[in-house]
Amino acid sequence: MPRKVTFLLALVVALGLPLVLRSGSLASEVLIYALAALGCNLLLGYTGLLSFGQGIFFGLGSYTIAILLTRLQLPMPLALLAAIAMGALGAAVVGWVAIRQRGTYFVMLTLAFAQMFYFVAYTASGLTGGDNGLLDVPRPAFMDTPWKYYAFVAVIFLIAFGLLLRVTDSVFGRTLLAIRDNEDRAAAVGYDLKRFKLLAFVISGAVTGLAGGLHAMMTGIAPLSNAEYHTSEMILVITVIGGTGNLFASVLGSAFYVLLADWLSTLWPRWLLLLGLLLIGVSIGMQRGLWGLGESAWRRVFRKTPTADKAPLAQGEKA
């Protein structure tokens, strides 16, 4: 799909959410988790790396912006940039070790890092607030209502989405696809696999750290749960539900997951059980995610149209 069309779809979602949702916080949450899923998609969909460490970068972004805003009173833009930098730095450390292995061992390394980061955040209560997290994360006065904050998040989201589109559409992005499809062949051609994978990790960590920082400002708290394994799992599930290998699919996955979870939680306290059943259905019957489902439906419709157009012509020729 052309880059402009993909960006236009993201713009439509950002402009359309206020029209269909009553809660500005819920709309912000959709775009924030879409950002996190974009980072995960760059690793899984474009590089073929299944990472369970995304919660590390999300948590680093949350803690960084909370500490800088509450204890050092830094200006918000600087704190947000620091959250991005910390996400990138954390990803560089995790990626530098994890990319030395492939397959199951790579996944286990990212999972081990995620567990280690959680326990570090839990025990370093003087810095992170421990089990209580960091409270009273402020927002600038011009974002004092949920919908004003949504407008800020939407602008940040569109900038990040546009930049990631450029990355995936560049020579670098196409090289990542080549590595995903066949690592051995890419190495034989002469690509430095570790360097490309590490750079993909750093970009993914920066975007996820940004999402974590925005989430902390939205909720006013940097909780320990942002660094939990569950956060990594949720980001990964959102990415898979939307579909991998297409950036807009992550936006679809985030909207689907966040809105469905919000709805199911009003129906039944144990709504995660229903979500589990849904994921089983997706894994069995919709392996290319929502994007793949829409793509298949589009092709079926598109194939029928020329056939219908050709029928009268054929009759006319005979006449």
C-alpha atoms as a PDB file:
ATOM      1  CA  MET A   1       0.000   0.000   0.000  1.00  0.00           C
ATOM      2  CA  PRO A   2       1.402   3.469  -0.858  1.00  0.00           C
ATOM      3  CA  ARG A   3       2.831   5.407   2.062  1.00  0.00           C
ATOM      4  CA  LYS A   4       0.454   8.349   1.594  1.00  0.00           C
ATOM      5  CA  VAL A   5      -2.618   6.104   1.689  1.00  0.00           C
ATOM      6  CA  THR A   6      -1.396   4.385   4.861  1.00  0.00           C
ATOM      7  CA  PHE A   7      -0.782   7.738   6.533  1.00  0.00           C
ATOM      8  CA  LEU A   8      -4.189   8.947   5.377  1.00  0.00           C
ATOM      9  CA  LEU A   9      -5.815   5.931   7.072  1.00  0.00           C
ATOM     10  CA  ALA A  10      -4.011   6.752  10.322  1.00  0.00           C
ATOM     11  CA  LEU A  11      -5.131  10.377  10.009  1.00  0.00           C
ATOM     12  CA  VAL A  12      -8.741   9.252   9.525  1.00  0.00           C
ATOM     13  CA  VAL A  13      -8.554   7.164  12.703  1.00  0.00           C
ATOM     14  CA  ALA A  14      -7.016  10.038  14.704  1.00  0.00           C
ATOM     15  CA  LEU A  15      -9.716  12.438  13.494  1.00  0.00           C
ATOM     16  CA  GLY A  16     -12.535   9.887  13.738  1.00  0.00           C
ATOM     17  CA  LEU A  17     -12.020   8.660  17.322  1.00  0.00           C
ATOM     18  CA  PRO A  18     -13.468  11.857  18.901  1.00  0.00           C
ATOM     19  CA  LEU A  19     -16.565  11.390  16.739  1.00  0.00           C
ATOM     20  CA  VAL A  20     -17.312   7.830  17.888  1.00  0.00           C
ATOM     21  CA  LEU A  21     -16.028   7.805  21.487  1.00  0.00           C
ATOM     22  CA  ARG A  22     -17.292   9.755  24.465  1.00  0.00           C
ATOM     23  CA  SER A  23     -14.172   9.333  26.566  1.00  0.00           C
ATOM     24  CA  GLY A  24     -11.062  11.313  25.666  1.00  0.00           C
ATOM     25  CA  SER A  25      -8.960   9.077  27.899  1.00  0.00           C
ATOM     26  CA  LEU A  26     -10.145   5.954  26.063  1.00  0.00           C
ATOM     27  CA  ALA A  27      -9.356   7.562  22.708  1.00  0.00           C
ATOM     28  CA  SER A  28      -5.888   8.536  23.974  1.00  0.00           C
ATOM     29  CA  GLU A  29      -5.344   4.987  25.181  1.00  0.00           C
ATOM     30  CA  VAL A  30      -6.091   3.639  21.694  1.00  0.00           C
ATOM     31  CA  LEU A  31      -3.376   5.811  20.113  1.00  0.00           C
ATOM     32  CA  ILE A  32      -0.869   5.241  22.939  1.00  0.00           C
ATOM     33  CA  TYR A  33      -1.102   1.456  22.652  1.00  0.00           C
ATOM     34  CA  ALA A  34      -1.049   1.819  18.875  1.00  0.00           C
ATOM     35  CA  LEU A  35       2.349   3.511  19.280  1.00  0.00           C
ATOM     36  CA  ALA A  36       3.573   0.641  21.458  1.00  0.00           C
ATOM     37  CA  ALA A  37       2.278  -1.885  18.918  1.00  0.00           C
ATOM     38  CA  LEU A  38       4.038   0.000  16.110  1.00  0.00           C
ATOM     39  CA  GLY A  39       7.337  -0.560  17.912  1.00  0.00           C
ATOM     40  CA  CYS A  40       6.540  -4.244  18.380  1.00  0.00           C
ATOM     41  CA  ASN A  41       5.452  -4.565  14.748  1.00  0.00           C
ATOM     42  CA  LEU A  42       8.792  -3.184  13.557  1.00  0.00           C
ATOM     43  CA  LEU A  43      10.481  -6.060  15.368  1.00  0.00           C
ATOM     44  CA  LEU A  44       8.019  -8.876  14.706  1.00  0.00           C
ATOM     45  CA  GLY A  45       6.500  -7.932  11.348  1.00  0.00           C
ATOM     46  CA  TYR A  46       9.533  -6.422   9.638  1.00  0.00           C
ATOM     47  CA  THR A  47      12.491  -8.146  11.321  1.00  0.00           C
ATOM     48  CA  GLY A  48      10.979 -11.436  12.457  1.00  0.00           C
ATOM     49  CA  LEU A  49      11.936 -10.928  16.119  1.00  0.00           C
ATOM     50  CA  LEU A  50       9.378 -12.060  18.711  1.00  0.00           C
ATOM     51  CA  SER A  51      10.165  -9.887  21.719  1.00  0.00           C
ATOM     52  CA  PHE A  52       8.628 -10.264  25.178  1.00  0.00           C
ATOM     53  CA  GLY A  53      10.654  -7.296  26.398  1.00  0.00           C
ATOM     54  CA  GLN A  54       8.458  -4.447  25.180  1.00  0.00           C
ATOM     55  CA  GLY A  55       7.167  -3.887  28.734  1.00  0.00           C
ATOM     56  CA  ILE A  56      10.723  -2.893  29.737  1.00  0.00           C
ATOM     57  CA  PHE A  57      10.772   0.026  27.305  1.00  0.00           C
ATOM     58  CA  PHE A  58       7.175   0.984  28.136  1.00  0.00           C
ATOM     59  CA  GLY A  59       8.013   0.980  31.851  1.00  0.00           C
ATOM     60  CA  LEU A  60      11.258   2.913  31.314  1.00  0.00           C
ATOM     61  CA  GLY A  61       9.329   5.614  29.467  1.00  0.00           C
ATOM     62  CA  SER A  62       6.730   5.814  32.252  1.00  0.00           C
ATOM     63  CA  TYR A  63       9.248   5.979  35.098  1.00  0.00           C
ATOM     64  CA  THR A  64      11.539   8.432  33.306  1.00  0.00           C
ATOM     65  CA  ILE A  65       8.869  11.015  32.606  1.00  0.00           C
ATOM     66  CA  ALA A  66       7.364  10.586  36.089  1.00  0.00           C
ATOM     67  CA  ILE A  67      10.709  11.112  37.851  1.00  0.00           C
ATOM     68  CA  LEU A  68      11.694  14.080  35.700  1.00  0.00           C
ATOM     69  CA  LEU A  69       8.335  15.833  36.043  1.00  0.00           C
ATOM     70  CA  THR A  70       7.685  15.180  39.743  1.00  0.00           C
ATOM     71  CA  ARG A  71      11.176  15.384  41.265  1.00  0.00           C
ATOM     72  CA  LEU A  72      13.216  17.552  38.907  1.00  0.00           C
ATOM     73  CA  GLN A  73      10.326  19.632  37.492  1.00  0.00           C
ATOM     74  CA  LEU A  74      11.819  19.551  34.004  1.00  0.00           C
ATOM     75  CA  PRO A  75       9.744  21.021  31.133  1.00  0.00           C
ATOM     76  CA  MET A  76       7.406  18.415  29.648  1.00  0.00           C
ATOM     77  CA  PRO A  77       9.005  18.351  26.153  1.00  0.00           C
ATOM     78  CA  LEU A  78      12.436  17.612  27.653  1.00  0.00           C
ATOM     79  CA  ALA A  79      10.981  14.912  29.904  1.00  0.00           C
ATOM     80  CA  LEU A  80       9.227  13.317  26.925  1.00  0.00           C
ATOM     81  CA  LEU A  81      12.464  13.322  24.916  1.00  0.00           C
ATOM     82  CA  ALA A  82      14.224  11.727  27.884  1.00  0.00           C
ATOM     83  CA  ALA A  83      11.539   9.006  27.998  1.00  0.00           C
ATOM     84  CA  ILE A  84      12.207   8.275  24.311  1.00  0.00           C
ATOM     85  CA  ALA A  85      15.970   8.199  24.950  1.00  0.00           C
ATOM     86  CA  MET A  86      15.613   5.850  27.928  1.00  0.00           C
ATOM     87  CA  GLY A  87      13.415   3.506  25.902  1.00  0.00           C
ATOM     88  CA  ALA A  88      16.052   3.471  23.150  1.00  0.00           C
ATOM     89  CA  LEU A  89      18.869   2.929  25.656  1.00  0.00           C
ATOM     90  CA  GLY A  90      17.053   0.048  27.334  1.00  0.00           C
ATOM     91  CA  ALA A  91      16.373  -1.511  23.951  1.00  0.00           C
ATOM     92  CA  ALA A  92      20.038  -1.163  22.997  1.00  0.00           C
ATOM     93  CA  VAL A  93      21.078  -3.100  26.119  1.00  0.00           C
ATOM     94  CA  VAL A  94      18.431  -5.827  25.716  1.00  0.00           C
ATOM     95  CA  GLY A  95      18.944  -6.061  21.966  1.00  0.00           C
ATOM     96  CA  TRP A  96      22.745  -6.207  22.190  1.00  0.00           C
ATOM     97  CA  VAL A  97      22.466  -9.420  24.214  1.00  0.00           C
ATOM     98  CA  ALA A  98      19.295 -10.958  22.745  1.00  0.00           C
ATOM     99  CA  ILE A  99      20.163 -10.712  19.037  1.00  0.00           C
ATOM    100  CA  ARG A 100      23.078 -13.071  19.589  1.00  0.00           C
ATOM    101  CA  GLN A 101      20.554 -15.902  19.672  1.00  0.00           C
ATOM    102  CA  ARG A 102      17.728 -16.931  17.370  1.00  0.00           C
ATOM    103  CA  GLY A 103      14.301 -18.486  17.747  1.00  0.00           C
ATOM    104  CA  THR A 104      13.338 -19.866  21.142  1.00  0.00           C
ATOM    105  CA  TYR A 105      16.529 -18.708  22.845  1.00  0.00           C
ATOM    106  CA  PHE A 106      16.010 -15.145  21.613  1.00  0.00           C
ATOM    107  CA  VAL A 107      12.469 -15.183  23.051  1.00  0.00           C
ATOM    108  CA  MET A 108      13.728 -16.583  26.368  1.00  0.00           C
ATOM    109  CA  LEU A 109      16.365 -13.865  26.639  1.00  0.00           C
ATOM    110  CA  THR A 110      13.819 -11.064  26.137  1.00  0.00           C
ATOM    111  CA  LEU A 111      11.516 -12.759  28.655  1.00  0.00           C
ATOM    112  CA  ALA A 112      14.370 -13.015  31.173  1.00  0.00           C
ATOM    113  CA  PHE A 113      15.175  -9.321  30.766  1.00  0.00           C
ATOM    114  CA  ALA A 114      11.497  -8.460  31.272  1.00  0.00           C
ATOM    115  CA  GLN A 115      11.357 -10.414  34.533  1.00  0.00           C
ATOM    116  CA  MET A 116      14.631  -8.888  35.737  1.00  0.00           C
ATOM    117  CA  PHE A 117      13.425  -5.356  35.017  1.00  0.00           C
ATOM    118  CA  TYR A 118      10.180  -5.995  36.874  1.00  0.00           C
ATOM    119  CA  PHE A 119      11.977  -7.126  40.028  1.00  0.00           C
ATOM    120  CA  VAL A 120      14.455  -4.240  39.822  1.00  0.00           C
ATOM    121  CA  ALA A 121      11.528  -1.791  39.552  1.00  0.00           C
ATOM    122  CA  TYR A 122       9.765  -3.563  42.437  1.00  0.00           C
ATOM    123  CA  THR A 123      12.742  -3.521  44.792  1.00  0.00           C
ATOM    124  CA  ALA A 124      14.071  -0.024  43.937  1.00  0.00           C
ATOM    125  CA  SER A 125      11.114   1.584  45.697  1.00  0.00           C
ATOM    126  CA  GLY A 126      13.070   4.780  46.474  1.00  0.00           C
ATOM    127  CA  LEU A 127      13.301   5.480  42.759  1.00  0.00           C
ATOM    128  CA  THR A 128      10.221   3.832  41.272  1.00  0.00           C
ATOM    129  CA  GLY A 129       7.791   3.870  44.207  1.00  0.00           C
ATOM    130  CA  GLY A 130       7.835   0.064  44.310  1.00  0.00           C
ATOM    131  CA  ASP A 131       4.421  -1.548  44.386  1.00  0.00           C
ATOM    132  CA  ASN A 132       2.656   1.842  44.608  1.00  0.00           C
ATOM    133  CA  GLY A 133       4.372   3.352  41.575  1.00  0.00           C
ATOM    134  CA  LEU A 134       5.005   7.074  41.140  1.00  0.00           C
ATOM    135  CA  LEU A 135       1.944   9.220  41.753  1.00  0.00           C
ATOM    136  CA  ASP A 136       0.770  12.691  40.730  1.00  0.00           C
ATOM    137  CA  VAL A 137       2.534  12.849  37.361  1.00  0.00           C
ATOM    138  CA  PRO A 138       1.558  16.336  36.178  1.00  0.00           C
ATOM    139  CA  ARG A 139       0.382  17.511  32.764  1.00  0.00           C
ATOM    140  CA  PRO A 140       0.880  21.033  31.378  1.00  0.00           C
ATOM    141  CA  ALA A 141      -2.058  23.401  31.850  1.00  0.00           C
ATOM    142  CA  PHE A 142      -2.919  23.434  28.140  1.00  0.00           C
ATOM    143  CA  MET A 143      -3.736  19.703  28.400  1.00  0.00           C
ATOM    144  CA  ASP A 144      -5.955  19.918  31.482  1.00  0.00           C
ATOM    145  CA  THR A 145      -8.929  18.042  29.956  1.00  0.00           C
ATOM    146  CA  PRO A 146      -8.975  14.504  28.468  1.00  0.00           C
ATOM    147  CA  TRP A 147      -9.838  15.762  24.980  1.00  0.00           C
ATOM    148  CA  LYS A 148      -7.100  18.412  24.985  1.00  0.00           C
ATOM    149  CA  TYR A 149      -4.669  15.703  25.995  1.00  0.00           C
ATOM    150  CA  TYR A 150      -6.023  13.508  23.205  1.00  0.00           C
ATOM    151  CA  ALA A 151      -5.270  16.268  20.681  1.00  0.00           C
ATOM    152  CA  PHE A 152      -1.668  16.352  21.944  1.00  0.00           C
ATOM    153  CA  VAL A 153      -1.358  12.545  21.774  1.00  0.00           C
ATOM    154  CA  ALA A 154      -2.876  12.500  18.272  1.00  0.00           C
ATOM    155  CA  VAL A 155      -0.278  14.976  16.969  1.00  0.00           C
ATOM    156  CA  ILE A 156       2.574  12.978  18.541  1.00  0.00           C
ATOM    157  CA  PHE A 157       1.098   9.741  17.193  1.00  0.00           C
ATOM    158  CA  LEU A 158       0.830  11.068  13.620  1.00  0.00           C
ATOM    159  CA  ILE A 159       4.418  12.386  13.694  1.00  0.00           C
ATOM    160  CA  ALA A 160       5.722   9.038  14.966  1.00  0.00           C
ATOM    161  CA  PHE A 161       3.581   7.113  12.477  1.00  0.00           C
ATOM    162  CA  GLY A 162       4.876   9.213   9.574  1.00  0.00           C
ATOM    163  CA  LEU A 163       8.491   8.734  10.663  1.00  0.00           C
ATOM    164  CA  LEU A 164       8.043   4.969  11.021  1.00  0.00           C
ATOM    165  CA  LEU A 165       6.459   4.832   7.574  1.00  0.00           C
ATOM    166  CA  ARG A 166       9.600   6.462   6.201  1.00  0.00           C
ATOM    167  CA  VAL A 167      11.752   3.945   8.060  1.00  0.00           C
ATOM    168  CA  THR A 168       9.861   0.893   6.789  1.00  0.00           C
ATOM    169  CA  ASP A 169       9.739   2.270   3.242  1.00  0.00           C
ATOM    170  CA  SER A 170      13.475   2.978   3.147  1.00  0.00           C
ATOM    171  CA  VAL A 171      16.391   0.775   2.133  1.00  0.00           C
ATOM    172  CA  PHE A 172      16.816   0.012   5.825  1.00  0.00           C
ATOM    173  CA  GLY A 173      13.199  -1.193   6.075  1.00  0.00           C
ATOM    174  CA  ARG A 174      13.493  -3.362   2.977  1.00  0.00           C
ATOM    175  CA  THR A 175      16.695  -4.854   4.371  1.00  0.00           C
ATOM    176  CA  LEU A 176      14.841  -5.754   7.561  1.00  0.00           C
ATOM    177  CA  LEU A 177      12.275  -7.583   5.425  1.00  0.00           C
ATOM    178  CA  ALA A 178      15.067  -9.458   3.672  1.00  0.00           C
ATOM    179  CA  ILE A 179      16.459 -10.494   7.065  1.00  0.00           C
ATOM    180  CA  ARG A 180      13.008 -11.591   8.208  1.00  0.00           C
ATOM    181  CA  ASP A 181      12.420 -13.698   5.120  1.00  0.00           C
ATOM    182  CA  ASN A 182      15.819 -15.401   5.004  1.00  0.00           C
ATOM    183  CA  GLU A 183      18.585 -14.512   7.451  1.00  0.00           C
ATOM    184  CA  ASP A 184      21.169 -16.789   5.895  1.00  0.00           C
ATOM    185  CA  ARG A 185      20.672 -15.357   2.426  1.00  0.00           C
ATOM    186  CA  ALA A 186      20.823 -11.767   3.771  1.00  0.00           C
ATOM    187  CA  ALA A 187      24.066 -12.592   5.550  1.00  0.00           C
ATOM    188  CA  ALA A 188      25.465 -14.208   2.410  1.00  0.00           C
ATOM    189  CA  VAL A 189      24.720 -11.035   0.440  1.00  0.00           C
ATOM    190  CA  GLY A 190      26.825  -9.137   2.965  1.00  0.00           C
ATOM    191  CA  TYR A 191      24.381  -7.448   5.340  1.00  0.00           C
ATOM    192  CA  ASP A 192      25.526  -6.996   8.932  1.00  0.00           C
ATOM    193  CA  LEU A 193      22.589  -8.764  10.597  1.00  0.00           C
ATOM    194  CA  LYS A 194      23.437  -7.775  14.164  1.00  0.00           C
ATOM    195  CA  ARG A 195      23.742  -4.099  13.290  1.00  0.00           C
ATOM    196  CA  PHE A 196      20.393  -4.038  11.476  1.00  0.00           C
ATOM    197  CA  LYS A 197      18.621  -5.983  14.221  1.00  0.00           C
ATOM    198  CA  LEU A 198      20.093  -3.789  16.949  1.00  0.00           C
ATOM    199  CA  LEU A 199      19.029  -0.624  15.141  1.00  0.00           C
ATOM    200  CA  ALA A 200      15.512  -2.030  14.748  1.00  0.00           C
ATOM    201  CA  PHE A 201      15.509  -2.775  18.479  1.00  0.00           C
ATOM    202  CA  VAL A 202      16.607   0.782  19.339  1.00  0.00           C
ATOM    203  CA  ILE A 203      13.888   2.365  17.160  1.00  0.00           C
ATOM    204  CA  SER A 204      11.300   0.001  18.627  1.00  0.00           C
ATOM    205  CA  GLY A 205      12.414   0.851  22.163  1.00  0.00           C
ATOM    206  CA  ALA A 206      12.293   4.595  21.470  1.00  0.00           C
ATOM    207  CA  VAL A 207       8.713   4.421  20.153  1.00  0.00           C
ATOM    208  CA  THR A 208       7.610   2.182  23.042  1.00  0.00           C
ATOM    209  CA  GLY A 209       9.301   4.501  25.574  1.00  0.00           C
ATOM    210  CA  LEU A 210       7.356   7.394  24.037  1.00  0.00           C
ATOM    211  CA  ALA A 211       4.130   5.415  24.483  1.00  0.00           C
ATOM    212  CA  GLY A 212       5.017   4.704  28.119  1.00  0.00           C
ATOM    213  CA  GLY A 213       5.687   8.388  28.798  1.00  0.00           C
ATOM    214  CA  LEU A 214       2.382   9.432  27.250  1.00  0.00           C
ATOM    215  CA  HIS A 215       0.551   6.757  29.251  1.00  0.00           C
ATOM    216  CA  ALA A 216       2.043   8.007  32.535  1.00  0.00           C
ATOM    217  CA  MET A 217       0.920  11.576  31.767  1.00  0.00           C
ATOM    218  CA  MET A 218      -2.550  10.361  30.768  1.00  0.00           C
ATOM    219  CA  THR A 219      -3.182   8.404  33.970  1.00  0.00           C
ATOM    220  CA  GLY A 220      -1.134  10.656  36.274  1.00  0.00           C
ATOM    221  CA  ILE A 221       0.756   7.629  37.591  1.00  0.00           C
ATOM    222  CA  ALA A 222       3.690   5.455  36.579  1.00  0.00           C
ATOM    223  CA  PRO A 223       2.545   2.121  38.024  1.00  0.00           C
ATOM    224  CA  LEU A 224       4.575  -1.026  38.522  1.00  0.00           C
ATOM    225  CA  SER A 225       2.130  -2.778  36.197  1.00  0.00           C
ATOM    226  CA  ASN A 226       3.607  -0.826  33.256  1.00  0.00           C
ATOM    227  CA  ALA A 227       6.814  -2.832  33.759  1.00  0.00           C
ATOM    228  CA  GLU A 228       5.067  -6.183  34.229  1.00  0.00           C
ATOM    229  CA  TYR A 229       5.240  -9.143  31.921  1.00  0.00           C
ATOM    230  CA  HIS A 230       1.531  -8.583  31.268  1.00  0.00           C
ATOM    231  CA  THR A 231       2.313  -5.278  29.528  1.00  0.00           C
ATOM    232  CA  SER A 232       4.736  -7.014  27.163  1.00  0.00           C
ATOM    233  CA  GLU A 233       2.143  -9.683  26.519  1.00  0.00           C
ATOM    234  CA  MET A 234      -0.597  -7.122  25.858  1.00  0.00           C
ATOM    235  CA  ILE A 235       1.527  -5.158  23.380  1.00  0.00           C
ATOM    236  CA  LEU A 236       2.387  -8.387  21.582  1.00  0.00           C
ATOM    237  CA  VAL A 237      -1.259  -9.510  21.499  1.00  0.00           C
ATOM    238  CA  ILE A 238      -2.366  -6.139  20.089  1.00  0.00           C
ATOM    239  CA  THR A 239       0.265  -6.451  17.371  1.00  0.00           C
ATOM    240  CA  VAL A 240      -0.776  -9.981  16.431  1.00  0.00           C
ATOM    241  CA  ILE A 241      -4.506  -9.192  16.456  1.00  0.00           C
ATOM    242  CA  GLY A 242      -3.969  -6.257  14.103  1.00  0.00           C
ATOM    243  CA  GLY A 243      -1.606  -8.169  11.840  1.00  0.00           C
ATOM    244  CA  THR A 244       2.128  -7.986  11.303  1.00  0.00           C
ATOM    245  CA  GLY A 245       4.101  -6.442   8.468  1.00  0.00           C
ATOM    246  CA  ASN A 246       1.825  -3.409   8.064  1.00  0.00           C
ATOM    247  CA  LEU A 247       1.969  -0.369  10.329  1.00  0.00           C
ATOM    248  CA  PHE A 248      -1.704   0.551  10.055  1.00  0.00           C
ATOM    249  CA  ALA A 249      -2.572  -2.965  11.226  1.00  0.00           C
ATOM    250  CA  SER A 250      -1.149  -2.014  14.632  1.00  0.00           C
ATOM    251  CA  VAL A 251      -3.633   0.864  14.839  1.00  0.00           C
ATOM    252  CA  LEU A 252      -6.458  -1.553  14.051  1.00  0.00           C
ATOM    253  CA  GLY A 253      -5.209  -4.008  16.655  1.00  0.00           C
ATOM    254  CA  SER A 254      -4.982  -1.328  19.328  1.00  0.00           C
ATOM    255  CA  ALA A 255      -8.465   0.042  18.624  1.00  0.00           C
ATOM    256  CA  PHE A 256      -9.911  -3.470  18.625  1.00  0.00           C
ATOM    257  CA  TYR A 257      -8.188  -4.581  21.840  1.00  0.00           C
ATOM    258  CA  VAL A 258      -8.677  -1.407  23.888  1.00  0.00           C
ATOM    259  CA  LEU A 259     -12.320  -0.877  22.931  1.00  0.00           C
ATOM    260  CA  LEU A 260     -13.223  -4.564  23.254  1.00  0.00           C
ATOM    261  CA  ALA A 261     -11.509  -4.820  26.651  1.00  0.00           C
ATOM    262  CA  ASP A 262     -13.365  -1.698  27.810  1.00  0.00           C
ATOM    263  CA  TRP A 263     -16.683  -3.186  26.687  1.00  0.00           C
ATOM    264  CA  LEU A 264     -16.078  -6.685  28.055  1.00  0.00           C
ATOM    265  CA  SER A 265     -14.999  -5.296  31.438  1.00  0.00           C
ATOM    266  CA  THR A 266     -18.470  -3.763  31.824  1.00  0.00           C
ATOM    267  CA  LEU A 267     -20.108  -7.136  31.150  1.00  0.00           C
ATOM    268  CA  TRP A 268     -18.134  -9.494  33.365  1.00  0.00           C
ATOM    269  CA  PRO A 269     -15.371  -8.992  35.966  1.00  0.00           C
ATOM    270  CA  ARG A 270     -13.494 -11.990  34.517  1.00  0.00           C
ATOM    271  CA  TRP A 271     -13.478 -10.507  31.038  1.00  0.00           C
ATOM    272  CA  LEU A 272      -9.933 -11.699  30.382  1.00  0.00           C
ATOM    273  CA  LEU A 273     -11.367 -15.212  30.022  1.00  0.00           C
ATOM    274  CA  LEU A 274     -13.548 -14.002  27.143  1.00  0.00           C
ATOM    275  CA  LEU A 275     -10.559 -12.247  25.632  1.00  0.00           C
ATOM    276  CA  GLY A 276      -8.621 -15.511  25.837  1.00  0.00           C
ATOM    277  CA  LEU A 277     -11.346 -17.289  23.870  1.00  0.00           C
ATOM    278  CA  LEU A 278     -11.210 -14.531  21.290  1.00  0.00           C
ATOM    279  CA  LEU A 279      -7.454 -14.904  20.948  1.00  0.00           C
ATOM    280  CA  ILE A 280      -7.880 -18.647  20.415  1.00  0.00           C
ATOM    281  CA  GLY A 281     -10.291 -17.843  17.595  1.00  0.00           C
ATOM    282  CA  VAL A 282      -7.852 -15.336  16.070  1.00  0.00           C
ATOM    283  CA  SER A 283      -4.969 -17.801  16.277  1.00  0.00           C
ATOM    284  CA  ILE A 284      -6.966 -20.572  14.597  1.00  0.00           C
ATOM    285  CA  GLY A 285      -8.964 -18.722  11.957  1.00  0.00           C
ATOM    286  CA  MET A 286      -7.378 -15.305  11.453  1.00  0.00           C
ATOM    287  CA  GLN A 287      -3.633 -15.790  11.435  1.00  0.00           C
ATOM    288  CA  ARG A 288      -2.957 -12.619   9.444  1.00  0.00           C
ATOM    289  CA  GLY A 289      -4.935 -10.523  11.895  1.00  0.00           C
ATOM    290  CA  LEU A 290      -7.582  -7.903  11.243  1.00  0.00           C
ATOM    291  CA  TRP A 291      -5.540  -6.370   8.453  1.00  0.00           C
ATOM    292  CA  GLY A 292      -5.272  -9.711   6.664  1.00  0.00           C
ATOM    293  CA  LEU A 293      -9.006 -10.294   7.097  1.00  0.00           C
ATOM    294  CA  GLY A 294      -9.812  -6.904   5.562  1.00  0.00           C
ATOM    295  CA  GLU A 295      -7.310  -7.478   2.777  1.00  0.00           C
ATOM    296  CA  SER A 296      -8.895 -10.823   1.879  1.00  0.00           C
ATOM    297  CA  ALA A 297     -12.389  -9.297   1.866  1.00  0.00           C
ATOM    298  CA  TRP A 298     -11.173  -6.438  -0.352  1.00  0.00           C
ATOM    299  CA  ARG A 299      -9.640  -8.853  -2.860  1.00  0.00           C
ATOM    300  CA  ARG A 300     -12.824 -10.894  -3.086  1.00  0.00           C
ATOM    301  CA  VAL A 301     -14.888  -7.795  -3.817  1.00  0.00           C
ATOM    302  CA  PHE A 302     -12.294  -6.400  -6.196  1.00  0.00           C
ATOM    303  CA  ARG A 303     -12.128  -9.645  -8.161  1.00  0.00           C
ATOM    304  CA  LYS A 304     -15.882  -9.782  -8.646  1.00  0.00           C
ATOM    305  CA  THR A 305     -16.117  -6.293 -10.124  1.00  0.00           C
ATOM    306  CA  PRO A 306     -14.122  -6.879 -13.350  1.00  0.00           C
ATOM    307  CA  THR A 307     -15.991 -10.136 -13.949  1.00  0.00           C
ATOM    308  CA  ALA A 308     -19.312  -8.319 -13.710  1.00  0.00           C
ATOM    309  CA  ASP A 309     -18.054  -5.577 -16.025  1.00  0.00           C
ATOM    310  CA  LYS A 310     -16.825  -8.023 -18.636  1.00  0.00           C
ATOM    311  CA  ALA A 311     -20.097  -9.952 -18.941  1.00  0.00           C
ATOM    312  CA  PRO A 312     -22.098  -7.265 -20.832  1.00  0.00           C
ATOM    313  CA  LEU A 313     -19.145  -6.637 -23.150  1.00  0.00           C
ATOM    314  CA  ALA A 314     -18.973 -10.290 -24.067  1.00  0.00           C
ATOM    315  CA  GLN A 315     -22.687 -10.335 -24.855  1.00  0.00           C
ATOM    316  CA  GLY A 316     -22.324  -7.174 -26.918  1.00  0.00           C
ATOM    317  CA  GLU A 317     -19.530  -8.673 -28.942  1.00  0.00           C
ATOM    318  CA  LYS A 318     -21.632 -11.701 -29.755  1.00  0.00           C
ATOM    319  CA  ALA A 319     -24.550  -9.474 -30.765  1.00  0.00           C
END
